[in-house]
Amino acid sequence: MAITMSKLMDNFMATIPESVRRRLNLVAGDLIEFDVVGDVAILRKANSDDLVFDQGLEGLLSEWATDVDEEAYRSL
C-alpha cells in the first residue's frame, strides 16, 4: 500500500483517507487506536476485546504513570 497523507487541522483532527478507511473497514463511529513507538504512530481499528482489556489494565498501571517512571523506562 502506498503512503497516504492527511493534514492535521487546528483542532488536531485529521481525515482518514478513503483508501485507509476501506482497507481497515472503518465506518463513522468506529473506535481506532494508536500505538506510538518512537516517532512512529500505528493506527488500527480497535477490537472491542482490546478495549475492555486496555480499560481494565489502565487502573492497574496508574501507579507507574509519573514523569519519573517515564524517564526511568524510556530506553527499554
PDB file of N, CA and C in Angstrom:
ATOM      1  N   MET A   1       0.845  -1.183   0.000  1.00  0.00           N
ATOM      2  CA  MET A   1       0.000   0.000   0.000  1.00  0.00           C
ATOM      3  C   MET A   1       0.885   1.238   0.000  1.00  0.00           C
ATOM      4  N   ALA A   2       0.534   2.203  -0.809  1.00  0.00           N
ATOM      5  CA  ALA A   2       1.293   3.446  -0.909  1.00  0.00           C
ATOM      6  C   ALA A   2       1.083   4.293   0.344  1.00  0.00           C
ATOM      7  N   ILE A   3       2.038   5.158   0.615  1.00  0.00           N
ATOM      8  CA  ILE A   3       1.910   6.087   1.742  1.00  0.00           C
ATOM      9  C   ILE A   3       0.800   7.078   1.419  1.00  0.00           C
ATOM     10  N   THR A   4      -0.078   7.292   2.372  1.00  0.00           N
ATOM     11  CA  THR A   4      -1.197   8.206   2.215  1.00  0.00           C
ATOM     12  C   THR A   4      -1.105   9.253   3.309  1.00  0.00           C
ATOM     13  N   MET A   5      -1.377  10.504   2.973  1.00  0.00           N
ATOM     14  CA  MET A   5      -1.265  11.586   3.948  1.00  0.00           C
ATOM     15  C   MET A   5      -2.602  12.258   4.199  1.00  0.00           C
ATOM     16  N   SER A   6      -2.672  12.921   5.340  1.00  0.00           N
ATOM     17  CA  SER A   6      -3.820  13.729   5.711  1.00  0.00           C
ATOM     18  C   SER A   6      -3.293  14.915   6.503  1.00  0.00           C
ATOM     19  N   LYS A   7      -3.949  16.049   6.382  1.00  0.00           N
ATOM     20  CA  LYS A   7      -3.489  17.265   7.063  1.00  0.00           C
ATOM     21  C   LYS A   7      -4.101  17.359   8.455  1.00  0.00           C
ATOM     22  N   LEU A   8      -3.276  17.674   9.443  1.00  0.00           N
ATOM     23  CA  LEU A   8      -3.738  17.878  10.814  1.00  0.00           C
ATOM     24  C   LEU A   8      -4.296  19.291  10.918  1.00  0.00           C
ATOM     25  N   MET A   9      -5.536  19.415  11.341  1.00  0.00           N
ATOM     26  CA  MET A   9      -6.212  20.707  11.419  1.00  0.00           C
ATOM     27  C   MET A   9      -5.893  21.398  12.751  1.00  0.00           C
ATOM     28  N   ASP A  10      -6.331  22.658  12.876  1.00  0.00           N
ATOM     29  CA  ASP A  10      -6.072  23.444  14.088  1.00  0.00           C
ATOM     30  C   ASP A  10      -6.591  22.767  15.354  1.00  0.00           C
ATOM     31  N   ASN A  11      -7.688  22.015  15.238  1.00  0.00           N
ATOM     32  CA  ASN A  11      -8.267  21.346  16.408  1.00  0.00           C
ATOM     33  C   ASN A  11      -7.698  19.937  16.595  1.00  0.00           C
ATOM     34  N   PHE A  12      -6.579  19.641  15.919  1.00  0.00           N
ATOM     35  CA  PHE A  12      -5.869  18.356  15.990  1.00  0.00           C
ATOM     36  C   PHE A  12      -6.690  17.191  15.433  1.00  0.00           C
ATOM     37  N   MET A  13      -7.615  17.480  14.546  1.00  0.00           N
ATOM     38  CA  MET A  13      -8.370  16.427  13.876  1.00  0.00           C
ATOM     39  C   MET A  13      -7.806  16.252  12.475  1.00  0.00           C
ATOM     40  N   ALA A  14      -7.911  15.029  11.958  1.00  0.00           N
ATOM     41  CA  ALA A  14      -7.461  14.721  10.598  1.00  0.00           C
ATOM     42  C   ALA A  14      -8.466  13.755   9.989  1.00  0.00           C
ATOM     43  N   THR A  15      -8.627  13.841   8.687  1.00  0.00           N
ATOM     44  CA  THR A  15      -9.497  12.910   7.979  1.00  0.00           C
ATOM     45  C   THR A  15      -8.691  11.668   7.616  1.00  0.00           C
ATOM     46  N   ILE A  16      -9.253  10.505   7.903  1.00  0.00           N
ATOM     47  CA  ILE A  16      -8.602   9.259   7.493  1.00  0.00           C
ATOM     48  C   ILE A  16      -8.935   9.066   6.016  1.00  0.00           C
ATOM     49  N   PRO A  17      -7.929   9.009   5.168  1.00  0.00           N
ATOM     50  CA  PRO A  17      -8.179   8.884   3.725  1.00  0.00           C
ATOM     51  C   PRO A  17      -9.046   7.676   3.384  1.00  0.00           C
ATOM     52  N   GLU A  18      -9.817   7.818   2.319  1.00  0.00           N
ATOM     53  CA  GLU A  18     -10.750   6.771   1.909  1.00  0.00           C
ATOM     54  C   GLU A  18     -10.063   5.429   1.704  1.00  0.00           C
ATOM     55  N   SER A  19      -8.881   5.427   1.103  1.00  0.00           N
ATOM     56  CA  SER A  19      -8.188   4.157   0.858  1.00  0.00           C
ATOM     57  C   SER A  19      -7.854   3.437   2.167  1.00  0.00           C
ATOM     58  N   VAL A  20      -7.531   4.195   3.205  1.00  0.00           N
ATOM     59  CA  VAL A  20      -7.228   3.610   4.516  1.00  0.00           C
ATOM     60  C   VAL A  20      -8.517   3.126   5.173  1.00  0.00           C
ATOM     61  N   ARG A  21      -9.572   3.935   5.085  1.00  0.00           N
ATOM     62  CA  ARG A  21     -10.865   3.522   5.667  1.00  0.00           C
ATOM     63  C   ARG A  21     -11.350   2.223   5.048  1.00  0.00           C
ATOM     64  N   ARG A  22     -11.214   2.112   3.738  1.00  0.00           N
ATOM     65  CA  ARG A  22     -11.634   0.876   3.058  1.00  0.00           C
ATOM     66  C   ARG A  22     -10.787  -0.305   3.514  1.00  0.00           C
ATOM     67  N   ARG A  23      -9.486  -0.101   3.566  1.00  0.00           N
ATOM     68  CA  ARG A  23      -8.562  -1.183   3.923  1.00  0.00           C
ATOM     69  C   ARG A  23      -8.820  -1.713   5.333  1.00  0.00           C
ATOM     70  N   LEU A  24      -9.183  -0.789   6.258  1.00  0.00           N
ATOM     71  CA  LEU A  24      -9.430  -1.173   7.648  1.00  0.00           C
ATOM     72  C   LEU A  24     -10.909  -1.414   7.940  1.00  0.00           C
ATOM     73  N   ASN A  25     -11.741  -1.317   6.911  1.00  0.00           N
ATOM     74  CA  ASN A  25     -13.195  -1.466   7.090  1.00  0.00           C
ATOM     75  C   ASN A  25     -13.727  -0.531   8.161  1.00  0.00           C
ATOM     76  N   LEU A  26     -13.324   0.741   8.105  1.00  0.00           N
ATOM     77  CA  LEU A  26     -13.759   1.731   9.084  1.00  0.00           C
ATOM     78  C   LEU A  26     -15.037   2.410   8.616  1.00  0.00           C
ATOM     79  N   VAL A  27     -15.936   2.624   9.560  1.00  0.00           N
ATOM     80  CA  VAL A  27     -17.140   3.408   9.305  1.00  0.00           C
ATOM     81  C   VAL A  27     -17.269   4.438  10.426  1.00  0.00           C
ATOM     82  N   ALA A  28     -18.073   5.463  10.189  1.00  0.00           N
ATOM     83  CA  ALA A  28     -18.278   6.513  11.191  1.00  0.00           C
ATOM     84  C   ALA A  28     -18.699   5.884  12.517  1.00  0.00           C
ATOM     85  N   GLY A  29     -18.087   6.315  13.586  1.00  0.00           N
ATOM     86  CA  GLY A  29     -18.398   5.801  14.915  1.00  0.00           C
ATOM     87  C   GLY A  29     -17.477   4.696  15.393  1.00  0.00           C
ATOM     88  N   ASP A  30     -16.682   4.111  14.478  1.00  0.00           N
ATOM     89  CA  ASP A  30     -15.721   3.087  14.891  1.00  0.00           C
ATOM     90  C   ASP A  30     -14.662   3.692  15.812  1.00  0.00           C
ATOM     91  N   LEU A  31     -14.176   2.892  16.730  1.00  0.00           N
ATOM     92  CA  LEU A  31     -13.050   3.293  17.565  1.00  0.00           C
ATOM     93  C   LEU A  31     -11.767   2.884  16.865  1.00  0.00           C
ATOM     94  N   ILE A  32     -10.776   3.751  16.947  1.00  0.00           N
ATOM     95  CA  ILE A  32      -9.460   3.428  16.416  1.00  0.00           C
ATOM     96  C   ILE A  32      -8.456   3.579  17.551  1.00  0.00           C
ATOM     97  N   GLU A  33      -7.356   2.894  17.431  1.00  0.00           N
ATOM     98  CA  GLU A  33      -6.325   3.027  18.461  1.00  0.00           C
ATOM     99  C   GLU A  33      -5.004   3.376  17.789  1.00  0.00           C
ATOM    100  N   PHE A  34      -4.173   4.030  18.556  1.00  0.00           N
ATOM    101  CA  PHE A  34      -2.862   4.443  18.085  1.00  0.00           C
ATOM    102  C   PHE A  34      -1.800   3.788  18.952  1.00  0.00           C
ATOM    103  N   ASP A  35      -0.858   3.130  18.342  1.00  0.00           N
ATOM    104  CA  ASP A  35       0.324   2.598  19.014  1.00  0.00           C
ATOM    105  C   ASP A  35       1.465   3.519  18.625  1.00  0.00           C
ATOM    106  N   VAL A  36       2.129   4.122  19.593  1.00  0.00           N
ATOM    107  CA  VAL A  36       3.235   5.027  19.297  1.00  0.00           C
ATOM    108  C   VAL A  36       4.525   4.365  19.757  1.00  0.00           C
ATOM    109  N   VAL A  37       5.429   4.182  18.814  1.00  0.00           N
ATOM    110  CA  VAL A  37       6.738   3.586  19.081  1.00  0.00           C
ATOM    111  C   VAL A  37       7.771   4.551  18.528  1.00  0.00           C
ATOM    112  N   GLY A  38       8.502   5.196  19.437  1.00  0.00           N
ATOM    113  CA  GLY A  38       9.452   6.211  18.996  1.00  0.00           C
ATOM    114  C   GLY A  38       8.704   7.340  18.324  1.00  0.00           C
ATOM    115  N   ASP A  39       9.078   7.636  17.082  1.00  0.00           N
ATOM    116  CA  ASP A  39       8.400   8.707  16.352  1.00  0.00           C
ATOM    117  C   ASP A  39       7.446   8.159  15.288  1.00  0.00           C
ATOM    118  N   VAL A  40       7.016   6.909  15.457  1.00  0.00           N
ATOM    119  CA  VAL A  40       6.099   6.269  14.513  1.00  0.00           C
ATOM    120  C   VAL A  40       4.783   5.964  15.233  1.00  0.00           C
ATOM    121  N   ALA A  41       3.669   6.346  14.605  1.00  0.00           N
ATOM    122  CA  ALA A  41       2.341   6.043  15.138  1.00  0.00           C
ATOM    123  C   ALA A  41       1.663   5.044  14.214  1.00  0.00           C
ATOM    124  N   ILE A  42       1.136   3.989  14.791  1.00  0.00           N
ATOM    125  CA  ILE A  42       0.426   2.961  14.033  1.00  0.00           C
ATOM    126  C   ILE A  42      -1.053   3.078  14.386  1.00  0.00           C
ATOM    127  N   LEU A  43      -1.883   3.255  13.381  1.00  0.00           N
ATOM    128  CA  LEU A  43      -3.322   3.367  13.566  1.00  0.00           C
ATOM    129  C   LEU A  43      -3.961   2.043  13.191  1.00  0.00           C
ATOM    130  N   ARG A  44      -4.913   1.586  13.995  1.00  0.00           N
ATOM    131  CA  ARG A  44      -5.636   0.362  13.652  1.00  0.00           C
ATOM    132  C   ARG A  44      -7.059   0.459  14.191  1.00  0.00           C
ATOM    133  N   LYS A  45      -7.940  -0.314  13.590  1.00  0.00           N
ATOM    134  CA  LYS A  45      -9.313  -0.393  14.072  1.00  0.00           C
ATOM    135  C   LYS A  45      -9.291  -1.103  15.414  1.00  0.00           C
ATOM    136  N   ALA A  46      -9.932  -0.497  16.404  1.00  0.00           N
ATOM    137  CA  ALA A  46      -9.938  -1.078  17.742  1.00  0.00           C
ATOM    138  C   ALA A  46     -10.850  -2.295  17.776  1.00  0.00           C
ATOM    139  N   ASN A  47     -10.375  -3.318  18.422  1.00  0.00           N
ATOM    140  CA  ASN A  47     -11.136  -4.538  18.648  1.00  0.00           C
ATOM    141  C   ASN A  47     -11.821  -4.375  20.005  1.00  0.00           C
ATOM    142  N   SER A  48     -13.099  -4.701  20.122  1.00  0.00           N
ATOM    143  CA  SER A  48     -13.821  -4.491  21.382  1.00  0.00           C
ATOM    144  C   SER A  48     -13.176  -5.250  22.540  1.00  0.00           C
ATOM    145  N   ASP A  49     -12.601  -6.424  22.278  1.00  0.00           N
ATOM    146  CA  ASP A  49     -11.907  -7.166  23.338  1.00  0.00           C
ATOM    147  C   ASP A  49     -10.674  -6.407  23.808  1.00  0.00           C
ATOM    148  N   ASP A  50      -9.958  -5.780  22.861  1.00  0.00           N
ATOM    149  CA  ASP A  50      -8.787  -4.994  23.219  1.00  0.00           C
ATOM    150  C   ASP A  50      -9.188  -3.803  24.090  1.00  0.00           C
ATOM    151  N   LEU A  51     -10.306  -3.173  23.761  1.00  0.00           N
ATOM    152  CA  LEU A  51     -10.768  -2.009  24.521  1.00  0.00           C
ATOM    153  C   LEU A  51     -11.071  -2.385  25.963  1.00  0.00           C
ATOM    154  N   VAL A  52     -11.767  -3.479  26.171  1.00  0.00           N
ATOM    155  CA  VAL A  52     -12.096  -3.940  27.529  1.00  0.00           C
ATOM    156  C   VAL A  52     -10.806  -4.258  28.282  1.00  0.00           C
ATOM    157  N   PHE A  53      -9.874  -4.936  27.628  1.00  0.00           N
ATOM    158  CA  PHE A  53      -8.599  -5.277  28.258  1.00  0.00           C
ATOM    159  C   PHE A  53      -7.826  -4.013  28.628  1.00  0.00           C
ATOM    160  N   ASP A  54      -7.727  -3.073  27.679  1.00  0.00           N
ATOM    161  CA  ASP A  54      -6.997  -1.821  27.928  1.00  0.00           C
ATOM    162  C   ASP A  54      -7.610  -1.028  29.070  1.00  0.00           C
ATOM    163  N   GLN A  55      -8.933  -0.943  29.108  1.00  0.00           N
ATOM    164  CA  GLN A  55      -9.589  -0.203  30.184  1.00  0.00           C
ATOM    165  C   GLN A  55      -9.326  -0.850  31.537  1.00  0.00           C
ATOM    166  N   GLY A  56      -9.322  -2.169  31.588  1.00  0.00           N
ATOM    167  CA  GLY A  56      -9.039  -2.867  32.827  1.00  0.00           C
ATOM    168  C   GLY A  56      -7.603  -2.677  33.271  1.00  0.00           C
ATOM    169  N   LEU A  57      -6.705  -2.658  32.311  1.00  0.00           N
ATOM    170  CA  LEU A  57      -5.282  -2.515  32.601  1.00  0.00           C
ATOM    171  C   LEU A  57      -4.922  -1.104  33.056  1.00  0.00           C
ATOM    172  N   GLU A  58      -5.618  -0.100  32.534  1.00  0.00           N
ATOM    173  CA  GLU A  58      -5.327   1.291  32.882  1.00  0.00           C
ATOM    174  C   GLU A  58      -5.307   1.520  34.382  1.00  0.00           C
ATOM    175  N   GLY A  59      -6.329   1.037  35.069  1.00  0.00           N
ATOM    176  CA  GLY A  59      -6.416   1.235  36.504  1.00  0.00           C
ATOM    177  C   GLY A  59      -5.304   0.545  37.266  1.00  0.00           C
ATOM    178  N   LEU A  60      -4.855  -0.587  36.770  1.00  0.00           N
ATOM    179  CA  LEU A  60      -3.803  -1.340  37.448  1.00  0.00           C
ATOM    180  C   LEU A  60      -2.433  -0.700  37.294  1.00  0.00           C
ATOM    181  N   LEU A  61      -2.210  -0.023  36.192  1.00  0.00           N
ATOM    182  CA  LEU A  61      -0.882   0.503  35.914  1.00  0.00           C
ATOM    183  C   LEU A  61      -0.711   1.983  36.250  1.00  0.00           C
ATOM    184  N   SER A  62      -1.735   2.611  36.769  1.00  0.00           N
ATOM    185  CA  SER A  62      -1.661   4.054  37.020  1.00  0.00           C
ATOM    186  C   SER A  62      -0.587   4.422  38.045  1.00  0.00           C
ATOM    187  N   GLU A  63      -0.227   3.502  38.916  1.00  0.00           N
ATOM    188  CA  GLU A  63       0.798   3.815  39.912  1.00  0.00           C
ATOM    189  C   GLU A  63       2.172   4.033  39.277  1.00  0.00           C
ATOM    190  N   TRP A  64       2.351   3.598  38.018  1.00  0.00           N
ATOM    191  CA  TRP A  64       3.617   3.790  37.322  1.00  0.00           C
ATOM    192  C   TRP A  64       3.509   4.845  36.228  1.00  0.00           C
ATOM    193  N   ALA A  65       2.608   5.778  36.386  1.00  0.00           N
ATOM    194  CA  ALA A  65       2.343   6.752  35.327  1.00  0.00           C
ATOM    195  C   ALA A  65       2.906   8.142  35.619  1.00  0.00           C
ATOM    196  N   THR A  66       3.976   8.227  36.377  1.00  0.00           N
ATOM    197  CA  THR A  66       4.549   9.535  36.684  1.00  0.00           C
ATOM    198  C   THR A  66       5.651   9.877  35.684  1.00  0.00           C
ATOM    199  N   ASP A  67       6.033  11.141  35.650  1.00  0.00           N
ATOM    200  CA  ASP A  67       7.122  11.576  34.781  1.00  0.00           C
ATOM    201  C   ASP A  67       8.434  10.867  35.136  1.00  0.00           C
ATOM    202  N   VAL A  68       8.649  10.608  36.416  1.00  0.00           N
ATOM    203  CA  VAL A  68       9.855   9.908  36.857  1.00  0.00           C
ATOM    204  C   VAL A  68       9.890   8.500  36.255  1.00  0.00           C
ATOM    205  N   ASP A  69       8.746   7.824  36.264  1.00  0.00           N
ATOM    206  CA  ASP A  69       8.671   6.482  35.679  1.00  0.00           C
ATOM    207  C   ASP A  69       8.909   6.527  34.172  1.00  0.00           C
ATOM    208  N   GLU A  70       8.306   7.497  33.498  1.00  0.00           N
ATOM    209  CA  GLU A  70       8.505   7.639  32.048  1.00  0.00           C
ATOM    210  C   GLU A  70       9.984   7.782  31.722  1.00  0.00           C
ATOM    211  N   GLU A  71      10.673   8.606  32.488  1.00  0.00           N
ATOM    212  CA  GLU A  71      12.105   8.822  32.266  1.00  0.00           C
ATOM    213  C   GLU A  71      12.907   7.550  32.554  1.00  0.00           C
ATOM    214  N   ALA A  72      12.567   6.863  33.624  1.00  0.00           N
ATOM    215  CA  ALA A  72      13.318   5.670  34.027  1.00  0.00           C
ATOM    216  C   ALA A  72      13.183   4.548  33.009  1.00  0.00           C
ATOM    217  N   TYR A  73      12.011   4.406  32.394  1.00  0.00           N
ATOM    218  CA  TYR A  73      11.759   3.274  31.493  1.00  0.00           C
ATOM    219  C   TYR A  73      11.787   3.637  30.023  1.00  0.00           C
ATOM    220  N   ARG A  74      12.103   4.892  29.697  1.00  0.00           N
ATOM    221  CA  ARG A  74      12.072   5.359  28.308  1.00  0.00           C
ATOM    222  C   ARG A  74      12.936   4.526  27.364  1.00  0.00           C
ATOM    223  N   SER A  75      14.094   4.080  27.820  1.00  0.00           N
ATOM    224  CA  SER A  75      15.028   3.388  26.934  1.00  0.00           C
ATOM    225  C   SER A  75      14.765   1.883  26.824  1.00  0.00           C
ATOM    226  N   LEU A  76      13.796   1.368  27.534  1.00  0.00           N
ATOM    227  CA  LEU A  76      13.526  -0.081  27.486  1.00  0.00           C
ATOM    228  C   LEU A  76      12.842  -0.490  26.220  1.00  0.00           C
TER     229      LEU A  76
END
